[in-house]
């Protein structure tokens, strides 16, 4: 309930209480905008001696960044993906090999290993250190997950622009923008949903009575892709670790024949005894976006 309230507040406030809170928080957003913009443009990019492509967004929440990054990485030989590794219990630069657990590298890195099995996957708070590690391991191109703000690295910046645009265009904490919308002017390529990438979905192992259980940001964006047979929906906070007893209770409550999860959720449910149906979202990329990335790689 709290997560749903906050998401509505940031993206599309509808109640009087939400709108009043946005109005009260707006001055903090203005302060955030000035500080974040000055910090952003003050950074001087350094060439790390390897091609780096950053895929990022200006808003909080899901925007298709992970599947877009994986899709692009899969098009190149000797590619690496570098990300922060949100939610991990470790620090430093870690190569996300098959020996690493979710506690070591976080759920997104596990997902990247699934989506891009040929790529080197590295988690690092210091993105430059992660890029240099990838270079030392033989990578020829690095895809930087959520790297737009790391302008100290010389790179090709792809910014995802949601379509439709959020109704609330204020900055955190009054709205969903992490940086001022004018930051789109600093991007090398703006990837628009529905133009540069189009989502499609498929369900593996569909069953008669499925309960959607997911821990992704803005989970309601899954609604257009849900199959028939979904009898209930449960949304947990982004990156949440699932309580298996709670999941058993949910399944029993609805007499579920399977839990419907995303691939990001699936990586956290290994060994769970109930049947899983997996909602697999994929992207089709425009030729223009692919060509722009390939041109940068060939420079």
C-alpha atoms as a PDB file:
ATOM      1  CA  UNK A   1       0.000   0.000   0.000  1.00  0.00           C
ATOM      2  CA  UNK A   2       2.788   2.450   0.902  1.00  0.00           C
ATOM      3  CA  UNK A   3       4.719   1.658  -2.289  1.00  0.00           C
ATOM      4  CA  UNK A   4       1.590   2.138  -4.411  1.00  0.00           C
ATOM      5  CA  UNK A   5       0.870   5.494  -2.734  1.00  0.00           C
ATOM      6  CA  UNK A   6       4.413   6.733  -3.371  1.00  0.00           C
ATOM      7  CA  UNK A   7       4.375   5.630  -7.020  1.00  0.00           C
ATOM      8  CA  UNK A   8       1.095   7.459  -7.622  1.00  0.00           C
ATOM      9  CA  UNK A   9       2.484  10.502  -5.822  1.00  0.00           C
ATOM     10  CA  UNK A  10       5.603  10.619  -7.994  1.00  0.00           C
ATOM     11  CA  UNK A  11       4.097   9.762 -11.385  1.00  0.00           C
ATOM     12  CA  UNK A  12       0.410  10.689 -11.379  1.00  0.00           C
ATOM     13  CA  UNK A  13      -0.963  12.156  -8.131  1.00  0.00           C
ATOM     14  CA  UNK A  14      -4.739  11.823  -8.093  1.00  0.00           C
ATOM     15  CA  UNK A  15      -5.985  12.310  -4.531  1.00  0.00           C
ATOM     16  CA  UNK A  16      -6.157  15.671  -2.752  1.00  0.00           C
ATOM     17  CA  UNK A  17      -3.664  14.408  -0.179  1.00  0.00           C
ATOM     18  CA  UNK A  18      -1.170  13.416  -2.875  1.00  0.00           C
ATOM     19  CA  UNK A  19      -1.536  16.702  -4.744  1.00  0.00           C
ATOM     20  CA  UNK A  20      -1.124  18.691  -1.538  1.00  0.00           C
ATOM     21  CA  UNK A  21       2.010  16.724  -0.659  1.00  0.00           C
ATOM     22  CA  UNK A  22       3.458  17.366  -4.127  1.00  0.00           C
ATOM     23  CA  UNK A  23       2.837  21.097  -3.653  1.00  0.00           C
ATOM     24  CA  UNK A  24       4.547  21.043  -0.246  1.00  0.00           C
ATOM     25  CA  UNK A  25       7.555  19.115  -1.545  1.00  0.00           C
ATOM     26  CA  UNK A  26       7.968  21.174  -4.722  1.00  0.00           C
ATOM     27  CA  UNK A  27      10.502  23.654  -3.198  1.00  0.00           C
ATOM     28  CA  UNK A  28      12.753  20.729  -2.271  1.00  0.00           C
ATOM     29  CA  UNK A  29      12.510  19.595  -5.882  1.00  0.00           C
ATOM     30  CA  UNK A  30      13.682  23.003  -7.084  1.00  0.00           C
ATOM     31  CA  UNK A  31      16.690  22.834  -4.747  1.00  0.00           C
ATOM     32  CA  UNK A  32      17.428  19.301  -5.952  1.00  0.00           C
ATOM     33  CA  UNK A  33      17.222  20.461  -9.570  1.00  0.00           C
ATOM     34  CA  UNK A  34      19.799  23.230  -9.154  1.00  0.00           C
ATOM     35  CA  UNK A  35      22.200  21.103  -7.154  1.00  0.00           C
ATOM     36  CA  UNK A  36      21.961  18.022  -9.394  1.00  0.00           C
ATOM     37  CA  UNK A  37      22.322  20.058 -12.609  1.00  0.00           C
ATOM     38  CA  UNK A  38      25.430  21.880 -11.401  1.00  0.00           C
ATOM     39  CA  UNK A  39      26.962  18.626 -10.230  1.00  0.00           C
ATOM     40  CA  UNK A  40      26.169  16.980 -13.563  1.00  0.00           C
ATOM     41  CA  UNK A  41      27.686  19.603 -15.867  1.00  0.00           C
ATOM     42  CA  UNK A  42      30.740  20.144 -13.638  1.00  0.00           C
ATOM     43  CA  UNK A  43      32.110  16.663 -14.356  1.00  0.00           C
ATOM     44  CA  UNK A  44      34.797  16.334 -17.018  1.00  0.00           C
ATOM     45  CA  UNK A  45      34.755  13.032 -18.926  1.00  0.00           C
ATOM     46  CA  UNK A  46      37.883  10.862 -18.963  1.00  0.00           C
ATOM     47  CA  UNK A  47      38.658   8.429 -21.789  1.00  0.00           C
ATOM     48  CA  UNK A  48      39.180   4.987 -20.211  1.00  0.00           C
ATOM     49  CA  UNK A  49      40.545   3.508 -23.419  1.00  0.00           C
ATOM     50  CA  UNK A  50      37.488   1.430 -24.239  1.00  0.00           C
ATOM     51  CA  UNK A  51      34.127   2.146 -25.869  1.00  0.00           C
ATOM     52  CA  UNK A  52      31.432   2.684 -23.221  1.00  0.00           C
ATOM     53  CA  UNK A  53      27.696   2.870 -23.940  1.00  0.00           C
ATOM     54  CA  UNK A  54      25.485   4.101 -21.114  1.00  0.00           C
ATOM     55  CA  UNK A  55      21.791   3.247 -20.970  1.00  0.00           C
ATOM     56  CA  UNK A  56      19.948   5.370 -18.455  1.00  0.00           C
ATOM     57  CA  UNK A  57      16.830   7.359 -17.663  1.00  0.00           C
ATOM     58  CA  UNK A  58      15.949  10.589 -15.930  1.00  0.00           C
ATOM     59  CA  UNK A  59      13.036   9.162 -13.970  1.00  0.00           C
ATOM     60  CA  UNK A  60      12.859   6.695 -11.105  1.00  0.00           C
ATOM     61  CA  UNK A  61      11.224   3.338 -11.651  1.00  0.00           C
ATOM     62  CA  UNK A  62      11.151   0.835 -14.468  1.00  0.00           C
ATOM     63  CA  UNK A  63      11.608   2.091 -18.012  1.00  0.00           C
ATOM     64  CA  UNK A  64      12.893  -0.935 -19.920  1.00  0.00           C
ATOM     65  CA  UNK A  65      16.538  -0.150 -19.119  1.00  0.00           C
ATOM     66  CA  UNK A  66      17.546  -3.720 -18.246  1.00  0.00           C
ATOM     67  CA  UNK A  67      16.146  -5.496 -21.332  1.00  0.00           C
ATOM     68  CA  UNK A  68      17.416  -2.679 -23.577  1.00  0.00           C
ATOM     69  CA  UNK A  69      20.918  -2.979 -22.124  1.00  0.00           C
ATOM     70  CA  UNK A  70      20.889  -6.770 -22.463  1.00  0.00           C
ATOM     71  CA  UNK A  71      19.557  -6.584 -26.023  1.00  0.00           C
ATOM     72  CA  UNK A  72      22.329  -4.229 -27.129  1.00  0.00           C
ATOM     73  CA  UNK A  73      25.054  -6.172 -25.321  1.00  0.00           C
ATOM     74  CA  UNK A  74      23.977  -9.365 -27.079  1.00  0.00           C
ATOM     75  CA  UNK A  75      24.702  -7.758 -30.459  1.00  0.00           C
ATOM     76  CA  UNK A  76      28.432  -7.386 -29.806  1.00  0.00           C
ATOM     77  CA  UNK A  77      31.303  -9.796 -29.295  1.00  0.00           C
ATOM     78  CA  UNK A  78      33.479  -9.356 -26.193  1.00  0.00           C
ATOM     79  CA  UNK A  79      30.864  -7.175 -24.451  1.00  0.00           C
ATOM     80  CA  UNK A  80      30.611  -6.410 -20.760  1.00  0.00           C
ATOM     81  CA  UNK A  81      27.810  -5.022 -18.618  1.00  0.00           C
ATOM     82  CA  UNK A  82      28.692  -2.921 -15.576  1.00  0.00           C
ATOM     83  CA  UNK A  83      26.112  -2.006 -12.945  1.00  0.00           C
ATOM     84  CA  UNK A  84      25.932  -0.951  -9.333  1.00  0.00           C
ATOM     85  CA  UNK A  85      24.523  -4.216  -7.989  1.00  0.00           C
ATOM     86  CA  UNK A  86      21.682  -2.705  -5.968  1.00  0.00           C
ATOM     87  CA  UNK A  87      20.735  -4.682  -2.862  1.00  0.00           C
ATOM     88  CA  UNK A  88      23.924  -6.749  -2.623  1.00  0.00           C
ATOM     89  CA  UNK A  89      25.624  -7.293   0.720  1.00  0.00           C
ATOM     90  CA  UNK A  90      29.111  -6.733  -0.663  1.00  0.00           C
ATOM     91  CA  UNK A  91      31.161  -3.784  -1.797  1.00  0.00           C
ATOM     92  CA  UNK A  92      33.808  -3.191  -4.406  1.00  0.00           C
ATOM     93  CA  UNK A  93      34.297  -4.582  -7.889  1.00  0.00           C
ATOM     94  CA  UNK A  94      32.961  -8.119  -8.323  1.00  0.00           C
ATOM     95  CA  UNK A  95      32.706 -10.246 -11.440  1.00  0.00           C
ATOM     96  CA  UNK A  96      29.246 -11.838 -11.489  1.00  0.00           C
ATOM     97  CA  UNK A  97      30.287 -15.376 -12.367  1.00  0.00           C
ATOM     98  CA  UNK A  98      28.346 -18.587 -11.668  1.00  0.00           C
ATOM     99  CA  UNK A  99      29.769 -18.872  -8.147  1.00  0.00           C
ATOM    100  CA  UNK A 100      28.161 -15.617  -6.986  1.00  0.00           C
ATOM    101  CA  UNK A 101      24.847 -15.450  -5.146  1.00  0.00           C
ATOM    102  CA  UNK A 102      22.178 -12.775  -4.987  1.00  0.00           C
ATOM    103  CA  UNK A 103      23.780 -11.519  -1.782  1.00  0.00           C
ATOM    104  CA  UNK A 104      27.088 -11.110  -3.592  1.00  0.00           C
ATOM    105  CA  UNK A 105      25.896  -9.288  -6.710  1.00  0.00           C
ATOM    106  CA  UNK A 106      22.163  -8.401  -6.376  1.00  0.00           C
ATOM    107  CA  UNK A 107      19.148  -9.543  -8.383  1.00  0.00           C
ATOM    108  CA  UNK A 108      19.772  -7.366 -11.460  1.00  0.00           C
ATOM    109  CA  UNK A 109      23.229  -8.822 -12.025  1.00  0.00           C
ATOM    110  CA  UNK A 110      21.783 -12.333 -11.788  1.00  0.00           C
ATOM    111  CA  UNK A 111      19.192 -11.316 -14.376  1.00  0.00           C
ATOM    112  CA  UNK A 112      21.875  -9.948 -16.701  1.00  0.00           C
ATOM    113  CA  UNK A 113      23.700 -13.262 -16.482  1.00  0.00           C
ATOM    114  CA  UNK A 114      20.481 -14.928 -17.626  1.00  0.00           C
ATOM    115  CA  UNK A 115      19.677 -12.419 -20.388  1.00  0.00           C
ATOM    116  CA  UNK A 116      23.239 -11.959 -21.696  1.00  0.00           C
ATOM    117  CA  UNK A 117      25.110 -15.197 -20.965  1.00  0.00           C
ATOM    118  CA  UNK A 118      28.024 -14.337 -23.291  1.00  0.00           C
ATOM    119  CA  UNK A 119      28.702 -10.950 -21.690  1.00  0.00           C
ATOM    120  CA  UNK A 120      31.006 -10.250 -18.770  1.00  0.00           C
ATOM    121  CA  UNK A 121      28.832  -8.925 -15.930  1.00  0.00           C
ATOM    122  CA  UNK A 122      30.472  -6.780 -13.242  1.00  0.00           C
ATOM    123  CA  UNK A 123      29.029  -4.986 -10.214  1.00  0.00           C
ATOM    124  CA  UNK A 124      30.809  -1.894  -8.899  1.00  0.00           C
ATOM    125  CA  UNK A 125      29.808   1.231  -7.024  1.00  0.00           C
ATOM    126  CA  UNK A 126      32.704   2.969  -8.779  1.00  0.00           C
ATOM    127  CA  UNK A 127      31.616   2.643 -12.399  1.00  0.00           C
ATOM    128  CA  UNK A 128      35.024   3.667 -13.752  1.00  0.00           C
ATOM    129  CA  UNK A 129      36.661   0.896 -11.735  1.00  0.00           C
ATOM    130  CA  UNK A 130      34.093  -1.540 -13.110  1.00  0.00           C
ATOM    131  CA  UNK A 131      34.802  -0.437 -16.683  1.00  0.00           C
ATOM    132  CA  UNK A 132      38.554  -0.837 -16.197  1.00  0.00           C
ATOM    133  CA  UNK A 133      38.025  -4.306 -14.730  1.00  0.00           C
ATOM    134  CA  UNK A 134      35.980  -5.280 -17.789  1.00  0.00           C
ATOM    135  CA  UNK A 135      38.776  -3.953 -20.012  1.00  0.00           C
ATOM    136  CA  UNK A 136      41.363  -6.021 -18.134  1.00  0.00           C
ATOM    137  CA  UNK A 137      39.247  -9.129 -18.725  1.00  0.00           C
ATOM    138  CA  UNK A 138      39.274  -8.621 -22.485  1.00  0.00           C
ATOM    139  CA  UNK A 139      36.066  -6.693 -23.085  1.00  0.00           C
ATOM    140  CA  UNK A 140      36.017  -4.564 -26.231  1.00  0.00           C
ATOM    141  CA  UNK A 141      32.848  -2.617 -25.393  1.00  0.00           C
ATOM    142  CA  UNK A 142      31.133  -1.908 -22.067  1.00  0.00           C
ATOM    143  CA  UNK A 143      27.441  -1.262 -21.512  1.00  0.00           C
ATOM    144  CA  UNK A 144      26.897   0.832 -18.423  1.00  0.00           C
ATOM    145  CA  UNK A 145      23.612   0.217 -16.642  1.00  0.00           C
ATOM    146  CA  UNK A 146      22.122   3.483 -15.340  1.00  0.00           C
ATOM    147  CA  UNK A 147      25.300   5.390 -16.072  1.00  0.00           C
ATOM    148  CA  UNK A 148      24.071   8.761 -17.321  1.00  0.00           C
ATOM    149  CA  UNK A 149      24.964  10.616 -14.133  1.00  0.00           C
ATOM    150  CA  UNK A 150      28.523   9.241 -14.266  1.00  0.00           C
ATOM    151  CA  UNK A 151      29.689  11.900 -16.667  1.00  0.00           C
ATOM    152  CA  UNK A 152      33.268  11.530 -15.471  1.00  0.00           C
ATOM    153  CA  UNK A 153      33.462   8.625 -17.959  1.00  0.00           C
ATOM    154  CA  UNK A 154      33.710   9.331 -21.684  1.00  0.00           C
ATOM    155  CA  UNK A 155      30.818   7.407 -23.223  1.00  0.00           C
ATOM    156  CA  UNK A 156      27.902   7.295 -25.632  1.00  0.00           C
ATOM    157  CA  UNK A 157      24.793   8.227 -23.631  1.00  0.00           C
ATOM    158  CA  UNK A 158      21.445   6.670 -24.486  1.00  0.00           C
ATOM    159  CA  UNK A 159      18.584   8.108 -22.443  1.00  0.00           C
ATOM    160  CA  UNK A 160      15.239   6.330 -22.349  1.00  0.00           C
ATOM    161  CA  UNK A 161      12.244   8.635 -22.673  1.00  0.00           C
ATOM    162  CA  UNK A 162       8.994   7.104 -21.424  1.00  0.00           C
ATOM    163  CA  UNK A 163       5.925   7.220 -23.628  1.00  0.00           C
ATOM    164  CA  UNK A 164       3.568   8.595 -22.475  1.00  0.00           C
ATOM    165  CA  UNK A 165       5.518  11.077 -20.401  1.00  0.00           C
ATOM    166  CA  UNK A 166       4.848  11.071 -16.641  1.00  0.00           C
ATOM    167  CA  UNK A 167       1.996  13.345 -15.627  1.00  0.00           C
ATOM    168  CA  UNK A 168       4.070  14.678 -12.746  1.00  0.00           C
ATOM    169  CA  UNK A 169       7.242  16.195 -14.206  1.00  0.00           C
ATOM    170  CA  UNK A 170       8.642  17.583 -10.951  1.00  0.00           C
ATOM    171  CA  UNK A 171      11.912  16.486  -9.381  1.00  0.00           C
ATOM    172  CA  UNK A 172      12.323  14.231  -6.402  1.00  0.00           C
ATOM    173  CA  UNK A 173      10.919  14.248  -3.813  1.00  0.00           C
ATOM    174  CA  UNK A 174       7.950  16.056  -5.395  1.00  0.00           C
ATOM    175  CA  UNK A 175       7.981  14.088  -8.651  1.00  0.00           C
ATOM    176  CA  UNK A 176       9.535  11.202 -10.538  1.00  0.00           C
ATOM    177  CA  UNK A 177      12.517  12.971 -12.139  1.00  0.00           C
ATOM    178  CA  UNK A 178      15.977  12.368 -10.700  1.00  0.00           C
ATOM    179  CA  UNK A 179      17.457  15.050 -12.957  1.00  0.00           C
ATOM    180  CA  UNK A 180      15.858  18.055 -14.693  1.00  0.00           C
ATOM    181  CA  UNK A 181      14.160  17.117 -18.006  1.00  0.00           C
ATOM    182  CA  UNK A 182      16.511  19.543 -19.776  1.00  0.00           C
ATOM    183  CA  UNK A 183      19.205  16.892 -19.210  1.00  0.00           C
ATOM    184  CA  UNK A 184      17.800  15.125 -22.291  1.00  0.00           C
ATOM    185  CA  UNK A 185      19.782  17.751 -24.246  1.00  0.00           C
ATOM    186  CA  UNK A 186      23.021  16.131 -23.001  1.00  0.00           C
ATOM    187  CA  UNK A 187      22.173  12.680 -24.383  1.00  0.00           C
ATOM    188  CA  UNK A 188      23.775  11.305 -27.543  1.00  0.00           C
ATOM    189  CA  UNK A 189      20.608   9.367 -28.345  1.00  0.00           C
ATOM    190  CA  UNK A 190      17.089   9.559 -26.898  1.00  0.00           C
ATOM    191  CA  UNK A 191      15.369   6.187 -27.055  1.00  0.00           C
ATOM    192  CA  UNK A 192      11.604   6.650 -27.087  1.00  0.00           C
ATOM    193  CA  UNK A 193       9.373   3.820 -26.008  1.00  0.00           C
ATOM    194  CA  UNK A 194       7.077   2.777 -28.845  1.00  0.00           C
ATOM    195  CA  UNK A 195       9.454   4.254 -31.434  1.00  0.00           C
ATOM    196  CA  UNK A 196      12.991   3.041 -30.703  1.00  0.00           C
ATOM    197  CA  UNK A 197      11.926  -0.006 -28.751  1.00  0.00           C
ATOM    198  CA  UNK A 198       8.662  -1.920 -28.587  1.00  0.00           C
ATOM    199  CA  UNK A 199       7.806  -4.371 -25.826  1.00  0.00           C
ATOM    200  CA  UNK A 200       6.257  -7.769 -26.360  1.00  0.00           C
ATOM    201  CA  UNK A 201       5.505 -10.590 -23.950  1.00  0.00           C
ATOM    202  CA  UNK A 202       5.167 -14.336 -23.664  1.00  0.00           C
ATOM    203  CA  UNK A 203       4.385 -16.625 -20.736  1.00  0.00           C
ATOM    204  CA  UNK A 204       6.307 -19.809 -20.158  1.00  0.00           C
ATOM    205  CA  UNK A 205       4.468 -22.582 -18.318  1.00  0.00           C
ATOM    206  CA  UNK A 206       1.026 -20.877 -18.176  1.00  0.00           C
ATOM    207  CA  UNK A 207      -1.519 -22.567 -15.907  1.00  0.00           C
ATOM    208  CA  UNK A 208      -5.220 -22.284 -15.181  1.00  0.00           C
ATOM    209  CA  UNK A 209      -5.016 -20.253 -11.948  1.00  0.00           C
ATOM    210  CA  UNK A 210      -2.019 -17.934 -11.745  1.00  0.00           C
ATOM    211  CA  UNK A 211      -1.269 -15.395  -9.029  1.00  0.00           C
ATOM    212  CA  UNK A 212       0.997 -12.528 -10.063  1.00  0.00           C
ATOM    213  CA  UNK A 213       3.736 -12.006  -7.478  1.00  0.00           C
ATOM    214  CA  UNK A 214       6.355  -9.418  -8.323  1.00  0.00           C
ATOM    215  CA  UNK A 215       8.942  -7.147  -6.741  1.00  0.00           C
ATOM    216  CA  UNK A 216       9.691  -4.656  -9.504  1.00  0.00           C
ATOM    217  CA  UNK A 217       9.260  -0.921  -9.654  1.00  0.00           C
ATOM    218  CA  UNK A 218       5.927   0.354 -11.001  1.00  0.00           C
ATOM    219  CA  UNK A 219       4.503  -3.160 -11.155  1.00  0.00           C
ATOM    220  CA  UNK A 220       1.189  -1.990 -12.624  1.00  0.00           C
ATOM    221  CA  UNK A 221       2.976  -1.419 -15.939  1.00  0.00           C
ATOM    222  CA  UNK A 222       2.783  -5.208 -16.346  1.00  0.00           C
ATOM    223  CA  UNK A 223      -1.021  -5.108 -16.613  1.00  0.00           C
ATOM    224  CA  UNK A 224      -1.199  -4.778 -20.447  1.00  0.00           C
ATOM    225  CA  UNK A 225       0.963  -7.886 -20.790  1.00  0.00           C
ATOM    226  CA  UNK A 226      -0.819 -10.194 -18.348  1.00  0.00           C
ATOM    227  CA  UNK A 227      -2.400 -13.350 -19.784  1.00  0.00           C
ATOM    228  CA  UNK A 228      -5.822 -14.721 -18.958  1.00  0.00           C
ATOM    229  CA  UNK A 229      -5.907 -16.931 -15.902  1.00  0.00           C
ATOM    230  CA  UNK A 230      -4.475 -14.380 -13.449  1.00  0.00           C
ATOM    231  CA  UNK A 231      -6.741 -14.600 -10.390  1.00  0.00           C
ATOM    232  CA  UNK A 232      -4.883 -12.176  -8.065  1.00  0.00           C
ATOM    233  CA  UNK A 233      -1.971  -9.736  -7.972  1.00  0.00           C
ATOM    234  CA  UNK A 234       0.553  -9.053  -5.214  1.00  0.00           C
ATOM    235  CA  UNK A 235       3.065  -6.221  -5.516  1.00  0.00           C
ATOM    236  CA  UNK A 236       6.147  -6.022  -3.311  1.00  0.00           C
ATOM    237  CA  UNK A 237       8.682  -3.204  -3.135  1.00  0.00           C
ATOM    238  CA  UNK A 238      11.360  -3.116  -5.801  1.00  0.00           C
ATOM    239  CA  UNK A 239      14.216  -5.609  -5.171  1.00  0.00           C
ATOM    240  CA  UNK A 240      12.390  -7.122  -2.176  1.00  0.00           C
ATOM    241  CA  UNK A 241      13.570 -10.527  -0.973  1.00  0.00           C
ATOM    242  CA  UNK A 242      10.644 -12.921  -1.016  1.00  0.00           C
ATOM    243  CA  UNK A 243       9.387 -14.638   2.132  1.00  0.00           C
ATOM    244  CA  UNK A 244       8.716 -18.203   1.008  1.00  0.00           C
ATOM    245  CA  UNK A 245       6.176 -18.811   3.787  1.00  0.00           C
ATOM    246  CA  UNK A 246       4.269 -15.726   2.649  1.00  0.00           C
ATOM    247  CA  UNK A 247       4.287 -16.982  -0.941  1.00  0.00           C
ATOM    248  CA  UNK A 248       2.965 -20.376   0.150  1.00  0.00           C
ATOM    249  CA  UNK A 249       0.174 -18.606   2.042  1.00  0.00           C
ATOM    250  CA  UNK A 250      -0.716 -16.500  -1.015  1.00  0.00           C
ATOM    251  CA  UNK A 251      -0.773 -19.540  -3.293  1.00  0.00           C
ATOM    252  CA  UNK A 252      -2.989 -21.485  -0.884  1.00  0.00           C
ATOM    253  CA  UNK A 253      -5.360 -18.543  -0.379  1.00  0.00           C
ATOM    254  CA  UNK A 254      -6.181 -18.428  -4.080  1.00  0.00           C
ATOM    255  CA  UNK A 255      -5.866 -22.145  -4.811  1.00  0.00           C
ATOM    256  CA  UNK A 256      -3.170 -21.173  -7.314  1.00  0.00           C
ATOM    257  CA  UNK A 257      -1.799 -23.660  -9.790  1.00  0.00           C
ATOM    258  CA  UNK A 258       1.284 -21.457 -10.240  1.00  0.00           C
ATOM    259  CA  UNK A 259       2.803 -18.117  -9.321  1.00  0.00           C
ATOM    260  CA  UNK A 260       3.276 -15.741 -12.241  1.00  0.00           C
ATOM    261  CA  UNK A 261       6.580 -13.860 -11.923  1.00  0.00           C
ATOM    262  CA  UNK A 262       8.913 -11.789 -14.068  1.00  0.00           C
ATOM    263  CA  UNK A 263      12.369 -13.028 -14.940  1.00  0.00           C
ATOM    264  CA  UNK A 264      13.789 -10.588 -12.406  1.00  0.00           C
ATOM    265  CA  UNK A 265      11.639 -12.253  -9.737  1.00  0.00           C
ATOM    266  CA  UNK A 266      12.465 -15.731 -11.011  1.00  0.00           C
ATOM    267  CA  UNK A 267      16.171 -15.420 -10.229  1.00  0.00           C
ATOM    268  CA  UNK A 268      15.266 -15.020  -6.548  1.00  0.00           C
ATOM    269  CA  UNK A 269      13.018 -18.099  -6.406  1.00  0.00           C
ATOM    270  CA  UNK A 270      15.401 -20.946  -7.089  1.00  0.00           C
ATOM    271  CA  UNK A 271      14.428 -24.067  -5.151  1.00  0.00           C
ATOM    272  CA  UNK A 272      10.889 -22.878  -4.480  1.00  0.00           C
ATOM    273  CA  UNK A 273       8.594 -25.909  -4.684  1.00  0.00           C
ATOM    274  CA  UNK A 274       5.468 -24.352  -6.202  1.00  0.00           C
ATOM    275  CA  UNK A 275       5.138 -24.197  -9.978  1.00  0.00           C
ATOM    276  CA  UNK A 276       6.219 -20.931 -11.571  1.00  0.00           C
ATOM    277  CA  UNK A 277       4.849 -19.276 -14.681  1.00  0.00           C
ATOM    278  CA  UNK A 278       7.242 -16.679 -16.069  1.00  0.00           C
ATOM    279  CA  UNK A 279       6.187 -13.479 -17.807  1.00  0.00           C
ATOM    280  CA  UNK A 280       8.988 -12.868 -20.270  1.00  0.00           C
ATOM    281  CA  UNK A 281       9.099  -9.327 -21.621  1.00  0.00           C
ATOM    282  CA  UNK A 282      11.294  -8.670 -24.637  1.00  0.00           C
ATOM    283  CA  UNK A 283      12.134  -5.654 -26.765  1.00  0.00           C
ATOM    284  CA  UNK A 284      12.323  -5.110 -30.501  1.00  0.00           C
ATOM    285  CA  UNK A 285      14.798  -2.314 -31.254  1.00  0.00           C
ATOM    286  CA  UNK A 286      14.641   0.169 -34.085  1.00  0.00           C
ATOM    287  CA  UNK A 287      17.284   0.000 -36.780  1.00  0.00           C
ATOM    288  CA  UNK A 288      18.216   3.602 -36.019  1.00  0.00           C
ATOM    289  CA  UNK A 289      19.077   2.860 -32.376  1.00  0.00           C
ATOM    290  CA  UNK A 290      21.114  -0.208 -33.291  1.00  0.00           C
ATOM    291  CA  UNK A 291      22.901   1.649 -36.095  1.00  0.00           C
ATOM    292  CA  UNK A 292      23.782   4.575 -33.815  1.00  0.00           C
ATOM    293  CA  UNK A 293      25.360   2.189 -31.308  1.00  0.00           C
ATOM    294  CA  UNK A 294      27.261   0.321 -34.012  1.00  0.00           C
ATOM    295  CA  UNK A 295      28.565   3.576 -35.484  1.00  0.00           C
ATOM    296  CA  UNK A 296      29.900   4.596 -32.078  1.00  0.00           C
ATOM    297  CA  UNK A 297      31.540   1.177 -31.653  1.00  0.00           C
ATOM    298  CA  UNK A 298      33.228   1.504 -35.032  1.00  0.00           C
ATOM    299  CA  UNK A 299      34.626   5.001 -34.539  1.00  0.00           C
END
